[in-house]
PDB file of N, CA and C in Angstrom:
ATOM      1  N   MET A   1       5.918   8.979 -20.001  1.00  0.00           N
ATOM      2  CA  MET A   1       5.597   8.662 -18.535  1.00  0.00           C
ATOM      3  C   MET A   1       6.754   9.344 -17.614  1.00  0.00           C
ATOM      4  N   LYS A   2       6.557  10.069 -17.038  1.00  0.00           N
ATOM      5  CA  LYS A   2       7.303  11.032 -16.048  1.00  0.00           C
ATOM      6  C   LYS A   2       7.487  10.316 -14.730  1.00  0.00           C
ATOM      7  N   ILE A   3       8.445  10.113 -14.052  1.00  0.00           N
ATOM      8  CA  ILE A   3       8.401   9.621 -12.664  1.00  0.00           C
ATOM      9  C   ILE A   3       7.440  10.799 -11.463  1.00  0.00           C
ATOM     10  N   LYS A   4       6.608   9.906 -10.769  1.00  0.00           N
ATOM     11  CA  LYS A   4       5.371  10.569  -9.990  1.00  0.00           C
ATOM     12  C   LYS A   4       5.713  10.231  -8.869  1.00  0.00           C
ATOM     13  N   ASN A   5       5.122  10.471  -7.924  1.00  0.00           N
ATOM     14  CA  ASN A   5       5.061  10.185  -6.764  1.00  0.00           C
ATOM     15  C   ASN A   5       3.597  10.722  -6.151  1.00  0.00           C
ATOM     16  N   TYR A   6       2.762   9.178  -6.572  1.00  0.00           N
ATOM     17  CA  TYR A   6       1.394   9.106  -6.627  1.00  0.00           C
ATOM     18  C   TYR A   6       1.046   9.665  -4.954  1.00  0.00           C
ATOM     19  N   LEU A   7       1.429   9.468  -4.207  1.00  0.00           N
ATOM     20  CA  LEU A   7       1.246   9.734  -2.947  1.00  0.00           C
ATOM     21  C   LEU A   7       0.826  10.973  -2.735  1.00  0.00           C
ATOM     22  N   GLU A   8       1.176  12.279  -3.554  1.00  0.00           N
ATOM     23  CA  GLU A   8       1.328  13.462  -3.495  1.00  0.00           C
ATOM     24  C   GLU A   8       0.067  14.094  -4.009  1.00  0.00           C
ATOM     25  N   ASP A   9      -0.778  13.028  -5.081  1.00  0.00           N
ATOM     26  CA  ASP A   9      -2.084  13.588  -5.400  1.00  0.00           C
ATOM     27  C   ASP A   9      -3.141  13.072  -4.155  1.00  0.00           C
ATOM     28  N   TYR A  10      -3.127  12.117  -3.935  1.00  0.00           N
ATOM     29  CA  TYR A  10      -3.824  11.667  -2.970  1.00  0.00           C
ATOM     30  C   TYR A  10      -3.844  12.201  -1.305  1.00  0.00           C
ATOM     31  N   VAL A  11      -2.710  12.660  -1.124  1.00  0.00           N
ATOM     32  CA  VAL A  11      -2.746  13.481   0.182  1.00  0.00           C
ATOM     33  C   VAL A  11      -2.974  14.717  -0.230  1.00  0.00           C
ATOM     34  N   GLU A  12      -2.977  14.829  -1.249  1.00  0.00           N
ATOM     35  CA  GLU A  12      -3.440  16.432  -1.402  1.00  0.00           C
ATOM     36  C   GLU A  12      -4.809  16.388  -1.259  1.00  0.00           C
ATOM     37  N   GLU A  13      -5.703  15.234  -2.120  1.00  0.00           N
ATOM     38  CA  GLU A  13      -7.145  14.972  -2.367  1.00  0.00           C
ATOM     39  C   GLU A  13      -7.624  15.230  -0.626  1.00  0.00           C
ATOM     40  N   ILE A  14      -6.942  14.386   0.695  1.00  0.00           N
ATOM     41  CA  ILE A  14      -7.274  14.155   1.549  1.00  0.00           C
ATOM     42  C   ILE A  14      -7.291  15.560   2.526  1.00  0.00           C
ATOM     43  N   ALA A  15      -5.857  15.977   2.264  1.00  0.00           N
ATOM     44  CA  ALA A  15      -5.900  17.492   3.055  1.00  0.00           C
ATOM     45  C   ALA A  15      -7.061  18.345   2.666  1.00  0.00           C
ATOM     46  N   ARG A  16      -7.137  18.384   1.306  1.00  0.00           N
ATOM     47  CA  ARG A  16      -8.313  19.598   0.810  1.00  0.00           C
ATOM     48  C   ARG A  16      -9.644  19.309   2.062  1.00  0.00           C
ATOM     49  N   GLU A  17      -9.939  17.497   1.679  1.00  0.00           N
ATOM     50  CA  GLU A  17     -11.084  17.333   2.421  1.00  0.00           C
ATOM     51  C   GLU A  17     -11.164  17.727   4.085  1.00  0.00           C
ATOM     52  N   GLN A  18     -10.001  17.496   4.645  1.00  0.00           N
ATOM     53  CA  GLN A  18      -9.841  17.708   5.726  1.00  0.00           C
ATOM     54  C   GLN A  18     -10.060  19.438   6.219  1.00  0.00           C
ATOM     55  N   LEU A  19      -9.019  20.005   5.297  1.00  0.00           N
ATOM     56  CA  LEU A  19      -9.414  21.258   5.960  1.00  0.00           C
ATOM     57  C   LEU A  19     -10.162  22.114   5.216  1.00  0.00           C
ATOM     58  N   ASN A  20     -10.813  21.825   4.409  1.00  0.00           N
ATOM     59  CA  ASN A  20     -12.264  22.558   4.000  1.00  0.00           C
ATOM     60  C   ASN A  20     -13.378  22.458   4.983  1.00  0.00           C
ATOM     61  N   LYS A  21     -13.054  21.442   5.884  1.00  0.00           N
ATOM     62  CA  LYS A  21     -14.096  21.636   7.066  1.00  0.00           C
ATOM     63  C   LYS A  21     -13.706  22.148   8.403  1.00  0.00           C
ATOM     64  N   ILE A  22     -12.706  22.931   8.238  1.00  0.00           N
ATOM     65  CA  ILE A  22     -12.196  23.713   9.359  1.00  0.00           C
ATOM     66  C   ILE A  22     -12.281  25.113   8.826  1.00  0.00           C
ATOM     67  N   PRO A  23     -13.350  26.131   9.147  1.00  0.00           N
ATOM     68  CA  PRO A  23     -13.630  27.246   8.493  1.00  0.00           C
ATOM     69  C   PRO A  23     -12.429  28.310   8.560  1.00  0.00           C
ATOM     70  N   GLU A  24     -11.421  28.799   9.475  1.00  0.00           N
ATOM     71  CA  GLU A  24     -10.167  29.127   9.334  1.00  0.00           C
ATOM     72  C   GLU A  24      -9.207  28.500   8.519  1.00  0.00           C
ATOM     73  N   LEU A  25      -9.347  27.524   8.150  1.00  0.00           N
ATOM     74  CA  LEU A  25      -8.381  26.743   7.128  1.00  0.00           C
ATOM     75  C   LEU A  25      -8.763  26.420   5.639  1.00  0.00           C
ATOM     76  N   ALA A  26      -9.961  26.391   5.815  1.00  0.00           N
ATOM     77  CA  ALA A  26     -10.765  26.055   3.896  1.00  0.00           C
ATOM     78  C   ALA A  26     -10.636  26.920   2.940  1.00  0.00           C
ATOM     79  N   TYR A  27      -9.930  26.556   1.695  1.00  0.00           N
ATOM     80  CA  TYR A  27      -9.212  27.164   0.566  1.00  0.00           C
ATOM     81  C   TYR A  27      -8.576  27.932   0.828  1.00  0.00           C
ATOM     82  N   ASN A  28      -7.218  27.416   2.351  1.00  0.00           N
ATOM     83  CA  ASN A  28      -6.155  28.209   2.751  1.00  0.00           C
ATOM     84  C   ASN A  28      -4.840  27.479   1.687  1.00  0.00           C
ATOM     85  N   GLU A  29      -4.391  28.019   0.738  1.00  0.00           N
ATOM     86  CA  GLU A  29      -3.400  27.373  -0.093  1.00  0.00           C
ATOM     87  C   GLU A  29      -2.364  27.301   0.655  1.00  0.00           C
ATOM     88  N   ARG A  30      -1.650  27.812   1.454  1.00  0.00           N
ATOM     89  CA  ARG A  30      -1.002  28.038   2.394  1.00  0.00           C
ATOM     90  C   ARG A  30      -0.990  26.895   3.300  1.00  0.00           C
ATOM     91  N   ALA A  31      -1.883  26.930   3.950  1.00  0.00           N
ATOM     92  CA  ALA A  31      -2.027  25.800   5.181  1.00  0.00           C
ATOM     93  C   ALA A  31      -2.275  24.322   4.037  1.00  0.00           C
ATOM     94  N   LEU A  32      -2.769  24.186   2.977  1.00  0.00           N
ATOM     95  CA  LEU A  32      -2.624  22.878   2.503  1.00  0.00           C
ATOM     96  C   LEU A  32      -0.846  22.400   1.958  1.00  0.00           C
ATOM     97  N   MET A  33      -0.622  23.211   1.411  1.00  0.00           N
ATOM     98  CA  MET A  33       1.020  22.833   1.109  1.00  0.00           C
ATOM     99  C   MET A  33       1.960  22.669   2.652  1.00  0.00           C
ATOM    100  N   ASP A  34       1.195  23.347   3.552  1.00  0.00           N
ATOM    101  CA  ASP A  34       1.906  22.940   5.007  1.00  0.00           C
ATOM    102  C   ASP A  34       1.845  22.016   5.785  1.00  0.00           C
ATOM    103  N   VAL A  35       0.644  21.648   5.224  1.00  0.00           N
ATOM    104  CA  VAL A  35       0.089  20.341   5.570  1.00  0.00           C
ATOM    105  C   VAL A  35       0.325  19.294   4.955  1.00  0.00           C
ATOM    106  N   MET A  36       0.446  18.969   3.331  1.00  0.00           N
ATOM    107  CA  MET A  36       1.089  18.447   2.598  1.00  0.00           C
ATOM    108  C   MET A  36       2.304  18.315   2.819  1.00  0.00           C
ATOM    109  N   ALA A  37       3.398  19.200   2.782  1.00  0.00           N
ATOM    110  CA  ALA A  37       4.885  18.832   3.482  1.00  0.00           C
ATOM    111  C   ALA A  37       4.792  17.847   4.873  1.00  0.00           C
ATOM    112  N   LEU A  38       4.084  18.227   5.487  1.00  0.00           N
ATOM    113  CA  LEU A  38       4.510  17.389   6.661  1.00  0.00           C
ATOM    114  C   LEU A  38       3.953  16.096   6.459  1.00  0.00           C
ATOM    115  N   VAL A  39       3.225  16.024   5.781  1.00  0.00           N
ATOM    116  CA  VAL A  39       2.651  14.707   5.806  1.00  0.00           C
ATOM    117  C   VAL A  39       3.759  13.682   4.499  1.00  0.00           C
ATOM    118  N   LEU A  40       3.961  14.462   3.641  1.00  0.00           N
ATOM    119  CA  LEU A  40       4.492  13.816   2.411  1.00  0.00           C
ATOM    120  C   LEU A  40       6.229  13.324   2.967  1.00  0.00           C
ATOM    121  N   ASN A  41       6.613  14.009   3.907  1.00  0.00           N
ATOM    122  CA  ASN A  41       8.148  14.040   4.748  1.00  0.00           C
ATOM    123  C   ASN A  41       7.900  12.651   5.712  1.00  0.00           C
ATOM    124  N   LYS A  42       6.461  12.723   5.980  1.00  0.00           N
ATOM    125  CA  LYS A  42       6.582  11.097   7.179  1.00  0.00           C
ATOM    126  C   LYS A  42       5.956  10.184   6.614  1.00  0.00           C
ATOM    127  N   LEU A  43       5.533   9.855   5.535  1.00  0.00           N
ATOM    128  CA  LEU A  43       5.181   9.020   5.010  1.00  0.00           C
ATOM    129  C   LEU A  43       6.257   8.219   3.640  1.00  0.00           C
ATOM    130  N   SER A  44       6.079   7.028   3.479  1.00  0.00           N
ATOM    131  CA  SER A  44       6.846   6.612   2.583  1.00  0.00           C
ATOM    132  C   SER A  44       6.694   7.204   1.260  1.00  0.00           C
ATOM    133  N   PRO A  45       7.086   7.617  -0.202  1.00  0.00           N
ATOM    134  CA  PRO A  45       6.682   8.099  -1.243  1.00  0.00           C
ATOM    135  C   PRO A  45       6.515   6.764  -1.903  1.00  0.00           C
ATOM    136  N   MET A  46       5.690   6.559  -3.038  1.00  0.00           N
ATOM    137  CA  MET A  46       4.682   5.935  -3.981  1.00  0.00           C
ATOM    138  C   MET A  46       5.559   6.397  -5.216  1.00  0.00           C
ATOM    139  N   TYR A  47       6.617   6.269  -5.675  1.00  0.00           N
ATOM    140  CA  TYR A  47       6.615   6.781  -6.782  1.00  0.00           C
ATOM    141  C   TYR A  47       6.952   5.420  -8.123  1.00  0.00           C
ATOM    142  N   VAL A  48       6.620   5.927  -9.339  1.00  0.00           N
ATOM    143  CA  VAL A  48       6.104   5.204 -10.245  1.00  0.00           C
ATOM    144  C   VAL A  48       6.819   5.470 -11.970  1.00  0.00           C
ATOM    145  N   VAL A  49       6.584   5.380 -12.671  1.00  0.00           N
ATOM    146  CA  VAL A  49       7.416   5.623 -13.555  1.00  0.00           C
ATOM    147  C   VAL A  49       6.787   4.620 -15.340  1.00  0.00           C
ATOM    148  N   THR A  50       6.244   3.739 -14.866  1.00  0.00           N
ATOM    149  CA  THR A  50       5.641   2.987 -15.845  1.00  0.00           C
ATOM    150  C   THR A  50       4.017   2.596 -15.586  1.00  0.00           C
ATOM    151  N   ASP A  51       3.232   2.248 -16.681  1.00  0.00           N
ATOM    152  CA  ASP A  51       1.959   2.594 -16.300  1.00  0.00           C
ATOM    153  C   ASP A  51       1.433   1.250 -15.556  1.00  0.00           C
ATOM    154  N   MET A  52       2.375   0.145 -15.790  1.00  0.00           N
ATOM    155  CA  MET A  52       2.106  -0.962 -14.422  1.00  0.00           C
ATOM    156  C   MET A  52       2.914  -0.715 -13.294  1.00  0.00           C
ATOM    157  N   GLY A  53       3.221   0.359 -12.885  1.00  0.00           N
ATOM    158  CA  GLY A  53       3.399   1.271 -11.622  1.00  0.00           C
ATOM    159  C   GLY A  53       2.345   1.751 -11.243  1.00  0.00           C
ATOM    160  N   ARG A  54       1.841   2.459 -12.044  1.00  0.00           N
ATOM    161  CA  ARG A  54       1.365   3.233 -11.926  1.00  0.00           C
ATOM    162  C   ARG A  54      -0.401   2.686 -11.260  1.00  0.00           C
ATOM    163  N   ILE A  55      -0.881   1.552 -12.342  1.00  0.00           N
ATOM    164  CA  ILE A  55      -1.793   0.654 -11.666  1.00  0.00           C
ATOM    165  C   ILE A  55      -1.695   0.083 -10.233  1.00  0.00           C
ATOM    166  N   ILE A  56      -0.357  -0.580 -10.153  1.00  0.00           N
ATOM    167  CA  ILE A  56       0.036  -1.349  -8.631  1.00  0.00           C
ATOM    168  C   ILE A  56      -0.657  -0.238  -7.717  1.00  0.00           C
ATOM    169  N   THR A  57       0.100   0.912  -7.699  1.00  0.00           N
ATOM    170  CA  THR A  57       0.194   2.196  -6.875  1.00  0.00           C
ATOM    171  C   THR A  57      -0.966   2.403  -6.431  1.00  0.00           C
ATOM    172  N   GLU A  58      -2.071   2.704  -7.691  1.00  0.00           N
ATOM    173  CA  GLU A  58      -3.665   2.912  -7.630  1.00  0.00           C
ATOM    174  C   GLU A  58      -4.371   1.858  -6.999  1.00  0.00           C
ATOM    175  N   VAL A  59      -4.332   0.752  -6.995  1.00  0.00           N
ATOM    176  CA  VAL A  59      -4.856  -0.289  -6.238  1.00  0.00           C
ATOM    177  C   VAL A  59      -4.372  -0.547  -4.750  1.00  0.00           C
ATOM    178  N   LYS A  60      -2.967  -0.246  -4.784  1.00  0.00           N
ATOM    179  CA  LYS A  60      -2.513   0.192  -3.247  1.00  0.00           C
ATOM    180  C   LYS A  60      -3.003   0.852  -2.170  1.00  0.00           C
ATOM    181  N   LEU A  61      -3.138   2.167  -3.328  1.00  0.00           N
ATOM    182  CA  LEU A  61      -4.191   3.449  -2.615  1.00  0.00           C
ATOM    183  C   LEU A  61      -5.511   3.148  -2.756  1.00  0.00           C
ATOM    184  N   SER A  62      -6.302   2.284  -2.816  1.00  0.00           N
ATOM    185  CA  SER A  62      -7.622   2.273  -2.841  1.00  0.00           C
ATOM    186  C   SER A  62      -7.759   1.673  -1.452  1.00  0.00           C
ATOM    187  N   SER A  63      -6.746   1.025  -1.137  1.00  0.00           N
ATOM    188  CA  SER A  63      -6.854  -0.114   0.251  1.00  0.00           C
ATOM    189  C   SER A  63      -7.298   0.942   1.810  1.00  0.00           C
ATOM    190  N   GLU A  64      -8.149   0.351   2.109  1.00  0.00           N
ATOM    191  CA  GLU A  64      -8.863   1.516   3.805  1.00  0.00           C
ATOM    192  C   GLU A  64      -7.452   1.511   4.693  1.00  0.00           C
ATOM    193  N   GLN A  65      -6.614   0.674   4.548  1.00  0.00           N
ATOM    194  CA  GLN A  65      -5.318   0.722   5.574  1.00  0.00           C
ATOM    195  C   GLN A  65      -4.373   2.193   4.991  1.00  0.00           C
ATOM    196  N   ILE A  66      -4.466   2.307   3.889  1.00  0.00           N
ATOM    197  CA  ILE A  66      -3.318   3.302   3.518  1.00  0.00           C
ATOM    198  C   ILE A  66      -4.205   4.665   3.493  1.00  0.00           C
ATOM    199  N   ARG A  67      -6.057   4.624   3.260  1.00  0.00           N
ATOM    200  CA  ARG A  67      -6.522   5.889   3.338  1.00  0.00           C
ATOM    201  C   ARG A  67      -6.663   6.262   5.074  1.00  0.00           C
ATOM    202  N   ALA A  68      -6.649   5.356   5.656  1.00  0.00           N
ATOM    203  CA  ALA A  68      -6.563   5.221   7.388  1.00  0.00           C
ATOM    204  C   ALA A  68      -4.904   5.756   7.751  1.00  0.00           C
ATOM    205  N   LYS A  69      -4.244   5.431   7.075  1.00  0.00           N
ATOM    206  CA  LYS A  69      -2.461   6.189   7.319  1.00  0.00           C
ATOM    207  C   LYS A  69      -2.521   7.377   7.365  1.00  0.00           C
ATOM    208  N   VAL A  70      -2.925   7.314   5.608  1.00  0.00           N
ATOM    209  CA  VAL A  70      -2.800   9.372   5.178  1.00  0.00           C
ATOM    210  C   VAL A  70      -3.868   9.903   5.918  1.00  0.00           C
ATOM    211  N   LEU A  71      -4.756   9.299   6.602  1.00  0.00           N
ATOM    212  CA  LEU A  71      -6.023  10.044   6.983  1.00  0.00           C
ATOM    213  C   LEU A  71      -5.101  10.703   8.428  1.00  0.00           C
ATOM    214  N   ALA A  72      -4.912   9.712   9.176  1.00  0.00           N
ATOM    215  CA  ALA A  72      -4.276   9.887  10.645  1.00  0.00           C
ATOM    216  C   ALA A  72      -3.166  10.918  10.421  1.00  0.00           C
ATOM    217  N   ALA A  73      -2.300  10.795   9.404  1.00  0.00           N
ATOM    218  CA  ALA A  73      -0.965  11.799   9.134  1.00  0.00           C
ATOM    219  C   ALA A  73      -1.916  13.338   8.906  1.00  0.00           C
ATOM    220  N   VAL A  74      -2.901  13.180   7.942  1.00  0.00           N
ATOM    221  CA  VAL A  74      -3.070  14.551   7.409  1.00  0.00           C
ATOM    222  C   VAL A  74      -3.688  15.239   8.730  1.00  0.00           C
ATOM    223  N   LEU A  75      -4.396  14.482   9.764  1.00  0.00           N
ATOM    224  CA  LEU A  75      -4.971  15.326  10.778  1.00  0.00           C
ATOM    225  C   LEU A  75      -3.764  15.424  11.911  1.00  0.00           C
ATOM    226  N   ASN A  76      -2.887  14.782  11.514  1.00  0.00           N
ATOM    227  CA  ASN A  76      -1.602  15.258  12.972  1.00  0.00           C
ATOM    228  C   ASN A  76      -1.131  16.362  12.378  1.00  0.00           C
ATOM    229  N   ALA A  77      -1.197  16.533  10.793  1.00  0.00           N
ATOM    230  CA  ALA A  77      -0.193  17.852  10.245  1.00  0.00           C
ATOM    231  C   ALA A  77      -1.673  19.353  10.684  1.00  0.00           C
ATOM    232  N   ILE A  78      -2.881  18.532  10.317  1.00  0.00           N
ATOM    233  CA  ILE A  78      -3.450  19.854  10.559  1.00  0.00           C
ATOM    234  C   ILE A  78      -3.504  20.395  11.988  1.00  0.00           C
ATOM    235  N   LYS A  79      -3.444  19.358  12.909  1.00  0.00           N
ATOM    236  CA  LYS A  79      -2.998  19.555  14.546  1.00  0.00           C
ATOM    237  C   LYS A  79      -2.058  21.061  14.479  1.00  0.00           C
ATOM    238  N   LYS A  80      -0.898  20.085  14.352  1.00  0.00           N
ATOM    239  CA  LYS A  80       0.570  21.044  14.157  1.00  0.00           C
ATOM    240  C   LYS A  80       0.327  22.459  13.689  1.00  0.00           C
ATOM    241  N   ILE A  81      -0.150  22.614  12.481  1.00  0.00           N
ATOM    242  CA  ILE A  81      -0.388  23.934  11.855  1.00  0.00           C
ATOM    243  C   ILE A  81      -1.146  24.970  12.454  1.00  0.00           C
ATOM    244  N   ARG A  82      -2.064  24.187  12.805  1.00  0.00           N
ATOM    245  CA  ARG A  82      -3.437  25.294  13.842  1.00  0.00           C
ATOM    246  C   ARG A  82      -2.690  25.363  15.121  1.00  0.00           C
ATOM    247  N   LYS A  83      -1.533  24.926  15.631  1.00  0.00           N
ATOM    248  CA  LYS A  83      -0.891  25.557  16.908  1.00  0.00           C
ATOM    249  C   LYS A  83      -0.069  27.002  16.311  1.00  0.00           C
ATOM    250  N   ASN A  84       0.087  26.439  15.569  1.00  0.00           N
ATOM    251  CA  ASN A  84       1.126  27.856  14.783  1.00  0.00           C
ATOM    252  C   ASN A  84       0.564  28.882  14.057  1.00  0.00           C
ATOM    253  N   LEU A  85      -0.939  28.992  14.031  1.00  0.00           N
ATOM    254  CA  LEU A  85      -2.051  29.649  13.266  1.00  0.00           C
ATOM    255  C   LEU A  85      -1.378  31.267  13.137  1.00  0.00           C
ATOM    256  N   VAL A  86      -1.302  32.090  12.455  1.00  0.00           N
ATOM    257  CA  VAL A  86      -1.128  33.499  12.465  1.00  0.00           C
ATOM    258  C   VAL A  86      -2.213  33.867  11.229  1.00  0.00           C
ATOM    259  N   VAL A  87      -3.289  34.173  11.867  1.00  0.00           N
ATOM    260  CA  VAL A  87      -4.196  34.878  10.948  1.00  0.00           C
ATOM    261  C   VAL A  87      -4.360  36.279  11.221  1.00  0.00           C
TER     262      VAL A  87
END
């Protein structure tokens, strides 16, 4: 197993979900990368290197509190990139 920040996949999932609700940002890979960079720099990483660590992290990521925290960070990041959007 390699070292992995499991928060990356989770942030990407939520960011895609939210960006696809906004016509000018839907399916925009640059917007996705910008949002992910902002969010991942704001939140604490969740690195794992073992299967046990992966399981524990997946349980943590399933909590509503973590989802709310990630969703709030994603929405704030989207707000920031929309201000600087060049179409």
